[in-house]
Amino acid sequence: MLHILPTALAAFSASLVEFIEALTVVLAVGAVRGWRGAIGGAALALLVLLAMVAALGPALTRIPLQLVHLGIGTLLLLFGMRWLRKAILRAAGVIPLRDEEAAYARQTEALRRVGGGAVGWDALAVSTAFKITMVEGIEVVFIVIAIGAGGAGLLVPASLGAAVALAVVVLLGVVLHRPVAMLPENALKFGVGILLCAFGTFWVGEGMNLAWPGDDISLVLLVAGYIGCALAAVRVCRRVGPTEKI
């Protein structure tokens, strides 16, 4: 099925970006407050997120597919346009690139000001790791469910894509013990925004009973169209410059 690979890729890319941002804070918590609380809080959040996927994913099968396509497509478009807008502005130099090293330094400084970690379970470490994992993870859950709801059997590859992204980020965190700053995060967000916008447009059209030329092949054309528009937008924003309002 043509949707399976793009589904897994979109879920993997989106999840990778969110998990990297969560990893930055979890590593800061572990370095300052202790690894027991940091890992415990993050693991607890992941269990809650897994329960959300298990509960919400099958529930969507009870809704008429046309309504699912329309609603999910709109949701993906909103996510994709938000990510793509920021990626375009960063690529054009209008807003600064996200610096995971700087974010890590800010988080560690804030945690140090609170005081040293407690013996045993540190409530601050657990709650901080839990909250950041939940905040970033909820967005992953909605994206995975949205992508997976686009057709029969797509929830599995979407979930696998997110799971692989989580495994990659956890492995890098264990090996490096530092923010994964070497990954081109803005390029990832640029690509993810394009994929989400393409999927969203396709499924909104499906929900409106639009007959796409070539059926699933239209996804490739949509991706190419969004790439062209995004690159053109970067050029326009560079001409405007960072001092102008966008």
C-alpha atoms as a PDB file:
ATOM      1  CA  MET A   1       0.000   0.000   0.000  1.00  0.00           C
ATOM      2  CA  LEU A   2       1.448   3.335  -1.105  1.00  0.00           C
ATOM      3  CA  HIS A   3       0.446   5.127   2.100  1.00  0.00           C
ATOM      4  CA  ILE A   4       2.444   2.885   4.457  1.00  0.00           C
ATOM      5  CA  LEU A   5       5.979   4.224   3.868  1.00  0.00           C
ATOM      6  CA  PRO A   6       5.005   7.941   3.825  1.00  0.00           C
ATOM      7  CA  THR A   7       2.888   7.351   6.941  1.00  0.00           C
ATOM      8  CA  ALA A   8       5.763   5.777   8.859  1.00  0.00           C
ATOM      9  CA  LEU A   9       8.197   8.447   7.617  1.00  0.00           C
ATOM     10  CA  ALA A  10       5.931  11.346   8.600  1.00  0.00           C
ATOM     11  CA  ALA A  11       5.302   9.875  12.060  1.00  0.00           C
ATOM     12  CA  PHE A  12       9.016   9.138  12.544  1.00  0.00           C
ATOM     13  CA  SER A  13      10.146  12.640  11.531  1.00  0.00           C
ATOM     14  CA  ALA A  14       7.535  14.474  13.601  1.00  0.00           C
ATOM     15  CA  SER A  15       8.172  12.289  16.638  1.00  0.00           C
ATOM     16  CA  LEU A  16      11.945  12.671  16.312  1.00  0.00           C
ATOM     17  CA  VAL A  17      11.736  16.463  16.584  1.00  0.00           C
ATOM     18  CA  GLU A  18       9.408  16.381  19.604  1.00  0.00           C
ATOM     19  CA  PHE A  19      11.401  13.697  21.419  1.00  0.00           C
ATOM     20  CA  ILE A  20      14.657  15.613  20.901  1.00  0.00           C
ATOM     21  CA  GLU A  21      13.130  18.664  22.589  1.00  0.00           C
ATOM     22  CA  ALA A  22      11.913  16.492  25.477  1.00  0.00           C
ATOM     23  CA  LEU A  23      15.322  14.809  25.737  1.00  0.00           C
ATOM     24  CA  THR A  24      17.022  18.174  26.265  1.00  0.00           C
ATOM     25  CA  VAL A  25      15.025  18.812  29.442  1.00  0.00           C
ATOM     26  CA  VAL A  26      15.179  15.216  30.709  1.00  0.00           C
ATOM     27  CA  LEU A  27      18.979  15.226  30.378  1.00  0.00           C
ATOM     28  CA  ALA A  28      19.160  18.519  32.266  1.00  0.00           C
ATOM     29  CA  VAL A  29      16.988  17.084  35.040  1.00  0.00           C
ATOM     30  CA  GLY A  30      19.128  13.953  35.243  1.00  0.00           C
ATOM     31  CA  ALA A  31      22.411  15.898  35.343  1.00  0.00           C
ATOM     32  CA  VAL A  32      21.268  18.269  38.101  1.00  0.00           C
ATOM     33  CA  ARG A  33      18.626  16.438  40.148  1.00  0.00           C
ATOM     34  CA  GLY A  34      19.526  12.788  39.555  1.00  0.00           C
ATOM     35  CA  TRP A  35      18.775  10.167  36.915  1.00  0.00           C
ATOM     36  CA  ARG A  36      16.321   8.152  38.992  1.00  0.00           C
ATOM     37  CA  GLY A  37      13.721  10.905  39.074  1.00  0.00           C
ATOM     38  CA  ALA A  38      14.377  12.008  35.474  1.00  0.00           C
ATOM     39  CA  ILE A  39      13.986   8.522  34.015  1.00  0.00           C
ATOM     40  CA  GLY A  40      11.066   7.699  36.312  1.00  0.00           C
ATOM     41  CA  GLY A  41       9.112  10.829  35.349  1.00  0.00           C
ATOM     42  CA  ALA A  42       9.746  10.348  31.636  1.00  0.00           C
ATOM     43  CA  ALA A  43       8.814   6.650  31.798  1.00  0.00           C
ATOM     44  CA  LEU A  44       5.566   7.432  33.637  1.00  0.00           C
ATOM     45  CA  ALA A  45       4.627   9.976  30.965  1.00  0.00           C
ATOM     46  CA  LEU A  46       5.347   7.462  28.199  1.00  0.00           C
ATOM     47  CA  LEU A  47       3.008   4.933  29.842  1.00  0.00           C
ATOM     48  CA  VAL A  48       0.236   7.542  29.950  1.00  0.00           C
ATOM     49  CA  LEU A  49       0.855   8.429  26.298  1.00  0.00           C
ATOM     50  CA  LEU A  50       0.725   4.771  25.250  1.00  0.00           C
ATOM     51  CA  ALA A  51      -2.612   4.437  27.035  1.00  0.00           C
ATOM     52  CA  MET A  52      -3.895   7.473  25.111  1.00  0.00           C
ATOM     53  CA  VAL A  53      -2.905   5.912  21.771  1.00  0.00           C
ATOM     54  CA  ALA A  54      -4.531   2.605  22.739  1.00  0.00           C
ATOM     55  CA  ALA A  55      -7.750   4.361  23.776  1.00  0.00           C
ATOM     56  CA  LEU A  56      -8.112   7.023  21.092  1.00  0.00           C
ATOM     57  CA  GLY A  57      -6.870   5.117  18.041  1.00  0.00           C
ATOM     58  CA  PRO A  58      -9.549   2.372  17.918  1.00  0.00           C
ATOM     59  CA  ALA A  59     -12.265   4.891  18.878  1.00  0.00           C
ATOM     60  CA  LEU A  60     -11.778   6.666  15.555  1.00  0.00           C
ATOM     61  CA  THR A  61     -12.916   3.548  13.695  1.00  0.00           C
ATOM     62  CA  ARG A  62     -16.463   4.158  14.986  1.00  0.00           C
ATOM     63  CA  ILE A  63     -16.663   7.517  13.181  1.00  0.00           C
ATOM     64  CA  PRO A  64     -17.619   7.612   9.465  1.00  0.00           C
ATOM     65  CA  LEU A  65     -14.424   7.569   7.406  1.00  0.00           C
ATOM     66  CA  GLN A  66     -15.350  10.714   5.456  1.00  0.00           C
ATOM     67  CA  LEU A  67     -15.666  12.725   8.683  1.00  0.00           C
ATOM     68  CA  VAL A  68     -12.409  11.247   9.980  1.00  0.00           C
ATOM     69  CA  HIS A  69     -10.581  12.278   6.805  1.00  0.00           C
ATOM     70  CA  LEU A  70     -11.979  15.810   6.978  1.00  0.00           C
ATOM     71  CA  GLY A  71     -11.279  16.325  10.686  1.00  0.00           C
ATOM     72  CA  ILE A  72      -7.890  14.622  10.715  1.00  0.00           C
ATOM     73  CA  GLY A  73      -6.830  16.362   7.514  1.00  0.00           C
ATOM     74  CA  THR A  74      -7.672  19.738   9.035  1.00  0.00           C
ATOM     75  CA  LEU A  75      -5.716  18.857  12.188  1.00  0.00           C
ATOM     76  CA  LEU A  76      -2.673  17.792  10.184  1.00  0.00           C
ATOM     77  CA  LEU A  77      -2.836  20.968   8.115  1.00  0.00           C
ATOM     78  CA  LEU A  78      -2.844  23.082  11.281  1.00  0.00           C
ATOM     79  CA  PHE A  79       0.132  21.190  12.710  1.00  0.00           C
ATOM     80  CA  GLY A  80       1.986  21.243   9.418  1.00  0.00           C
ATOM     81  CA  MET A  81       1.404  24.916   8.675  1.00  0.00           C
ATOM     82  CA  ARG A  82       2.583  25.907  12.166  1.00  0.00           C
ATOM     83  CA  TRP A  83       5.783  23.864  11.853  1.00  0.00           C
ATOM     84  CA  LEU A  84       6.410  24.923   8.272  1.00  0.00           C
ATOM     85  CA  ARG A  85       5.890  28.623   9.020  1.00  0.00           C
ATOM     86  CA  LYS A  86       8.516  28.580  11.780  1.00  0.00           C
ATOM     87  CA  ALA A  87      10.916  26.510   9.673  1.00  0.00           C
ATOM     88  CA  ILE A  88      10.587  28.957   6.776  1.00  0.00           C
ATOM     89  CA  LEU A  89      11.215  31.964   9.010  1.00  0.00           C
ATOM     90  CA  ARG A  90      14.237  30.268  10.588  1.00  0.00           C
ATOM     91  CA  ALA A  91      15.645  29.234   7.213  1.00  0.00           C
ATOM     92  CA  ALA A  92      15.260  32.839   6.033  1.00  0.00           C
ATOM     93  CA  GLY A  93      17.001  34.209   9.136  1.00  0.00           C
ATOM     94  CA  VAL A  94      13.913  36.115  10.307  1.00  0.00           C
ATOM     95  CA  ILE A  95      13.840  34.262  13.638  1.00  0.00           C
ATOM     96  CA  PRO A  96      16.813  32.477  15.249  1.00  0.00           C
ATOM     97  CA  LEU A  97      17.380  28.747  14.995  1.00  0.00           C
ATOM     98  CA  ARG A  98      16.523  26.717  18.088  1.00  0.00           C
ATOM     99  CA  ASP A  99      19.688  25.982  20.077  1.00  0.00           C
ATOM    100  CA  GLU A 100      19.349  22.772  22.101  1.00  0.00           C
ATOM    101  CA  GLU A 101      22.671  23.422  23.881  1.00  0.00           C
ATOM    102  CA  ALA A 102      21.418  26.833  25.045  1.00  0.00           C
ATOM    103  CA  ALA A 103      18.079  25.352  26.099  1.00  0.00           C
ATOM    104  CA  TYR A 104      19.947  22.680  28.078  1.00  0.00           C
ATOM    105  CA  ALA A 105      22.059  25.335  29.817  1.00  0.00           C
ATOM    106  CA  ARG A 106      18.989  27.400  30.739  1.00  0.00           C
ATOM    107  CA  GLN A 107      17.183  24.372  32.121  1.00  0.00           C
ATOM    108  CA  THR A 108      20.132  23.176  34.210  1.00  0.00           C
ATOM    109  CA  GLU A 109      20.636  26.663  35.659  1.00  0.00           C
ATOM    110  CA  ALA A 110      16.961  26.894  36.613  1.00  0.00           C
ATOM    111  CA  LEU A 111      17.096  23.479  38.303  1.00  0.00           C
ATOM    112  CA  ARG A 112      20.281  24.345  40.205  1.00  0.00           C
ATOM    113  CA  ARG A 113      18.658  27.481  41.623  1.00  0.00           C
ATOM    114  CA  VAL A 114      15.994  25.322  43.257  1.00  0.00           C
ATOM    115  CA  GLY A 115      18.582  23.365  45.231  1.00  0.00           C
ATOM    116  CA  GLY A 116      20.097  19.905  45.302  1.00  0.00           C
ATOM    117  CA  GLY A 117      18.134  16.743  44.663  1.00  0.00           C
ATOM    118  CA  ALA A 118      16.498  14.880  47.510  1.00  0.00           C
ATOM    119  CA  VAL A 119      17.519  11.433  48.735  1.00  0.00           C
ATOM    120  CA  GLY A 120      15.447   8.757  46.985  1.00  0.00           C
ATOM    121  CA  TRP A 121      12.729  10.003  44.670  1.00  0.00           C
ATOM    122  CA  ASP A 122      13.081  13.706  43.870  1.00  0.00           C
ATOM    123  CA  ALA A 123       9.589  15.145  43.354  1.00  0.00           C
ATOM    124  CA  LEU A 124      10.898  18.079  41.294  1.00  0.00           C
ATOM    125  CA  ALA A 125      12.891  15.783  38.997  1.00  0.00           C
ATOM    126  CA  VAL A 126       9.954  13.429  38.485  1.00  0.00           C
ATOM    127  CA  SER A 127       7.434  16.208  37.863  1.00  0.00           C
ATOM    128  CA  THR A 128       9.712  18.166  35.495  1.00  0.00           C
ATOM    129  CA  ALA A 129      10.595  15.114  33.399  1.00  0.00           C
ATOM    130  CA  PHE A 130       6.964  13.977  33.420  1.00  0.00           C
ATOM    131  CA  LYS A 131       5.622  17.346  32.295  1.00  0.00           C
ATOM    132  CA  ILE A 132       8.046  17.910  29.427  1.00  0.00           C
ATOM    133  CA  THR A 133       7.572  14.356  28.151  1.00  0.00           C
ATOM    134  CA  MET A 134       3.791  14.759  28.332  1.00  0.00           C
ATOM    135  CA  VAL A 135       3.797  18.162  26.611  1.00  0.00           C
ATOM    136  CA  GLU A 136       5.952  17.009  23.704  1.00  0.00           C
ATOM    137  CA  GLY A 137       4.453  13.516  23.698  1.00  0.00           C
ATOM    138  CA  ILE A 138       0.838  14.654  23.454  1.00  0.00           C
ATOM    139  CA  GLU A 139       1.658  16.378  20.182  1.00  0.00           C
ATOM    140  CA  VAL A 140       3.272  13.136  18.996  1.00  0.00           C
ATOM    141  CA  VAL A 141       0.168  11.175  20.028  1.00  0.00           C
ATOM    142  CA  PHE A 142      -2.183  13.455  18.107  1.00  0.00           C
ATOM    143  CA  ILE A 143       0.032  13.375  15.017  1.00  0.00           C
ATOM    144  CA  VAL A 144       0.369   9.572  15.136  1.00  0.00           C
ATOM    145  CA  ILE A 145      -3.370   9.111  15.595  1.00  0.00           C
ATOM    146  CA  ALA A 146      -4.111  11.685  12.889  1.00  0.00           C
ATOM    147  CA  ILE A 147      -1.739  10.099  10.388  1.00  0.00           C
ATOM    148  CA  GLY A 148      -2.868   6.597  11.307  1.00  0.00           C
ATOM    149  CA  ALA A 149      -6.542   7.464  10.933  1.00  0.00           C
ATOM    150  CA  GLY A 150      -6.129   8.278   7.252  1.00  0.00           C
ATOM    151  CA  GLY A 151      -6.852   4.718   6.170  1.00  0.00           C
ATOM    152  CA  ALA A 152      -7.277   1.134   7.279  1.00  0.00           C
ATOM    153  CA  GLY A 153      -4.146  -0.330   8.843  1.00  0.00           C
ATOM    154  CA  LEU A 154      -2.170   2.945   8.912  1.00  0.00           C
ATOM    155  CA  LEU A 155      -2.141   3.303  12.710  1.00  0.00           C
ATOM    156  CA  VAL A 156       0.398   0.461  12.958  1.00  0.00           C
ATOM    157  CA  PRO A 157       3.068   1.996  10.648  1.00  0.00           C
ATOM    158  CA  ALA A 158       2.455   5.426  12.206  1.00  0.00           C
ATOM    159  CA  SER A 159       2.958   3.978  15.693  1.00  0.00           C
ATOM    160  CA  LEU A 160       6.046   2.062  14.540  1.00  0.00           C
ATOM    161  CA  GLY A 161       7.506   5.249  13.073  1.00  0.00           C
ATOM    162  CA  ALA A 162       7.029   7.071  16.374  1.00  0.00           C
ATOM    163  CA  ALA A 163       8.425   4.110  18.332  1.00  0.00           C
ATOM    164  CA  VAL A 164      11.561   4.004  16.160  1.00  0.00           C
ATOM    165  CA  ALA A 165      12.035   7.760  16.660  1.00  0.00           C
ATOM    166  CA  LEU A 166      11.753   7.290  20.430  1.00  0.00           C
ATOM    167  CA  ALA A 167      14.284   4.448  20.351  1.00  0.00           C
ATOM    168  CA  VAL A 168      16.726   6.549  18.301  1.00  0.00           C
ATOM    169  CA  VAL A 169      16.479   9.536  20.666  1.00  0.00           C
ATOM    170  CA  VAL A 170      16.799   7.375  23.794  1.00  0.00           C
ATOM    171  CA  LEU A 171      19.844   5.621  22.325  1.00  0.00           C
ATOM    172  CA  LEU A 172      21.492   8.930  21.432  1.00  0.00           C
ATOM    173  CA  GLY A 173      20.728  10.273  24.909  1.00  0.00           C
ATOM    174  CA  VAL A 174      22.267   7.225  26.580  1.00  0.00           C
ATOM    175  CA  VAL A 175      25.367   7.338  24.402  1.00  0.00           C
ATOM    176  CA  LEU A 176      25.935  11.104  24.391  1.00  0.00           C
ATOM    177  CA  HIS A 177      24.471  12.234  27.749  1.00  0.00           C
ATOM    178  CA  ARG A 178      23.911  15.641  26.139  1.00  0.00           C
ATOM    179  CA  PRO A 179      21.414  17.406  23.857  1.00  0.00           C
ATOM    180  CA  VAL A 180      21.300  15.999  20.337  1.00  0.00           C
ATOM    181  CA  ALA A 181      22.462  19.284  18.857  1.00  0.00           C
ATOM    182  CA  MET A 182      24.187  17.761  15.842  1.00  0.00           C
ATOM    183  CA  LEU A 183      20.881  16.849  14.177  1.00  0.00           C
ATOM    184  CA  PRO A 184      19.574  19.521  11.755  1.00  0.00           C
ATOM    185  CA  GLU A 185      16.389  20.199  13.721  1.00  0.00           C
ATOM    186  CA  ASN A 186      15.148  23.042  11.529  1.00  0.00           C
ATOM    187  CA  ALA A 187      15.621  20.934   8.390  1.00  0.00           C
ATOM    188  CA  LEU A 188      13.652  18.150  10.088  1.00  0.00           C
ATOM    189  CA  LYS A 189      10.840  20.550  10.980  1.00  0.00           C
ATOM    190  CA  PHE A 190      10.878  21.881   7.418  1.00  0.00           C
ATOM    191  CA  GLY A 191      10.437  18.385   6.028  1.00  0.00           C
ATOM    192  CA  VAL A 192       7.881  17.353   8.647  1.00  0.00           C
ATOM    193  CA  GLY A 193       5.817  20.475   7.997  1.00  0.00           C
ATOM    194  CA  ILE A 194       5.735  19.671   4.267  1.00  0.00           C
ATOM    195  CA  LEU A 195       4.722  16.043   4.884  1.00  0.00           C
ATOM    196  CA  LEU A 196       1.980  16.977   7.340  1.00  0.00           C
ATOM    197  CA  CYS A 197       0.606  19.666   5.024  1.00  0.00           C
ATOM    198  CA  ALA A 198       0.598  17.217   2.100  1.00  0.00           C
ATOM    199  CA  PHE A 199      -1.155  14.507   4.116  1.00  0.00           C
ATOM    200  CA  GLY A 200      -3.609  17.034   5.533  1.00  0.00           C
ATOM    201  CA  THR A 201      -4.481  18.467   2.126  1.00  0.00           C
ATOM    202  CA  PHE A 202      -4.939  14.989   0.676  1.00  0.00           C
ATOM    203  CA  TRP A 203      -7.283  13.835   3.441  1.00  0.00           C
ATOM    204  CA  VAL A 204      -9.285  17.065   3.497  1.00  0.00           C
ATOM    205  CA  GLY A 205      -9.860  16.474  -0.193  1.00  0.00           C
ATOM    206  CA  GLU A 206     -10.859  12.877   0.523  1.00  0.00           C
ATOM    207  CA  GLY A 207     -13.281  14.106   3.179  1.00  0.00           C
ATOM    208  CA  MET A 208     -14.819  16.479   0.619  1.00  0.00           C
ATOM    209  CA  ASN A 209     -15.165  13.642  -1.928  1.00  0.00           C
ATOM    210  CA  LEU A 210     -12.539  15.208  -4.187  1.00  0.00           C
ATOM    211  CA  ALA A 211     -11.313  12.813  -6.879  1.00  0.00           C
ATOM    212  CA  TRP A 212      -7.529  13.197  -6.732  1.00  0.00           C
ATOM    213  CA  PRO A 213      -5.836  12.612 -10.119  1.00  0.00           C
ATOM    214  CA  GLY A 214      -3.852   9.403  -9.880  1.00  0.00           C
ATOM    215  CA  ASP A 215      -5.353   8.720  -6.434  1.00  0.00           C
ATOM    216  CA  ASP A 216      -2.447   8.072  -4.025  1.00  0.00           C
ATOM    217  CA  ILE A 217       0.111   9.371  -6.537  1.00  0.00           C
ATOM    218  CA  SER A 218      -1.303  12.830  -5.810  1.00  0.00           C
ATOM    219  CA  LEU A 219       0.523  12.747  -2.457  1.00  0.00           C
ATOM    220  CA  VAL A 220       3.845  12.946  -4.300  1.00  0.00           C
ATOM    221  CA  LEU A 221       2.613  15.927  -6.304  1.00  0.00           C
ATOM    222  CA  LEU A 222       1.346  17.635  -3.152  1.00  0.00           C
ATOM    223  CA  VAL A 223       4.719  17.163  -1.449  1.00  0.00           C
ATOM    224  CA  ALA A 224       6.493  18.610  -4.488  1.00  0.00           C
ATOM    225  CA  GLY A 225       4.076  21.547  -4.585  1.00  0.00           C
ATOM    226  CA  TYR A 226       4.575  22.357  -0.899  1.00  0.00           C
ATOM    227  CA  ILE A 227       8.347  22.120  -1.280  1.00  0.00           C
ATOM    228  CA  GLY A 228       8.253  24.604  -4.129  1.00  0.00           C
ATOM    229  CA  CYS A 229       5.981  27.012  -2.230  1.00  0.00           C
ATOM    230  CA  ALA A 230       8.077  26.740   0.941  1.00  0.00           C
ATOM    231  CA  LEU A 231      11.360  27.422  -0.870  1.00  0.00           C
ATOM    232  CA  ALA A 232       9.771  30.398  -2.621  1.00  0.00           C
ATOM    233  CA  ALA A 233       8.543  31.673   0.753  1.00  0.00           C
ATOM    234  CA  VAL A 234      12.094  31.422   2.165  1.00  0.00           C
ATOM    235  CA  ARG A 235      13.390  33.608  -0.674  1.00  0.00           C
ATOM    236  CA  VAL A 236      10.655  36.189  -0.117  1.00  0.00           C
ATOM    237  CA  CYS A 237      11.282  36.299   3.639  1.00  0.00           C
ATOM    238  CA  ARG A 238      15.009  36.770   3.101  1.00  0.00           C
ATOM    239  CA  ARG A 239      14.272  39.840   0.979  1.00  0.00           C
ATOM    240  CA  VAL A 240      11.966  41.248   3.640  1.00  0.00           C
ATOM    241  CA  GLY A 241      14.605  40.801   6.335  1.00  0.00           C
ATOM    242  CA  PRO A 242      14.339  40.225  10.105  1.00  0.00           C
ATOM    243  CA  THR A 243      13.408  43.823  10.901  1.00  0.00           C
ATOM    244  CA  GLU A 244      10.121  43.714   9.007  1.00  0.00           C
ATOM    245  CA  LYS A 245       6.906  42.201  10.328  1.00  0.00           C
ATOM    246  CA  ILE A 246       5.878  38.935   8.706  1.00  0.00           C
END
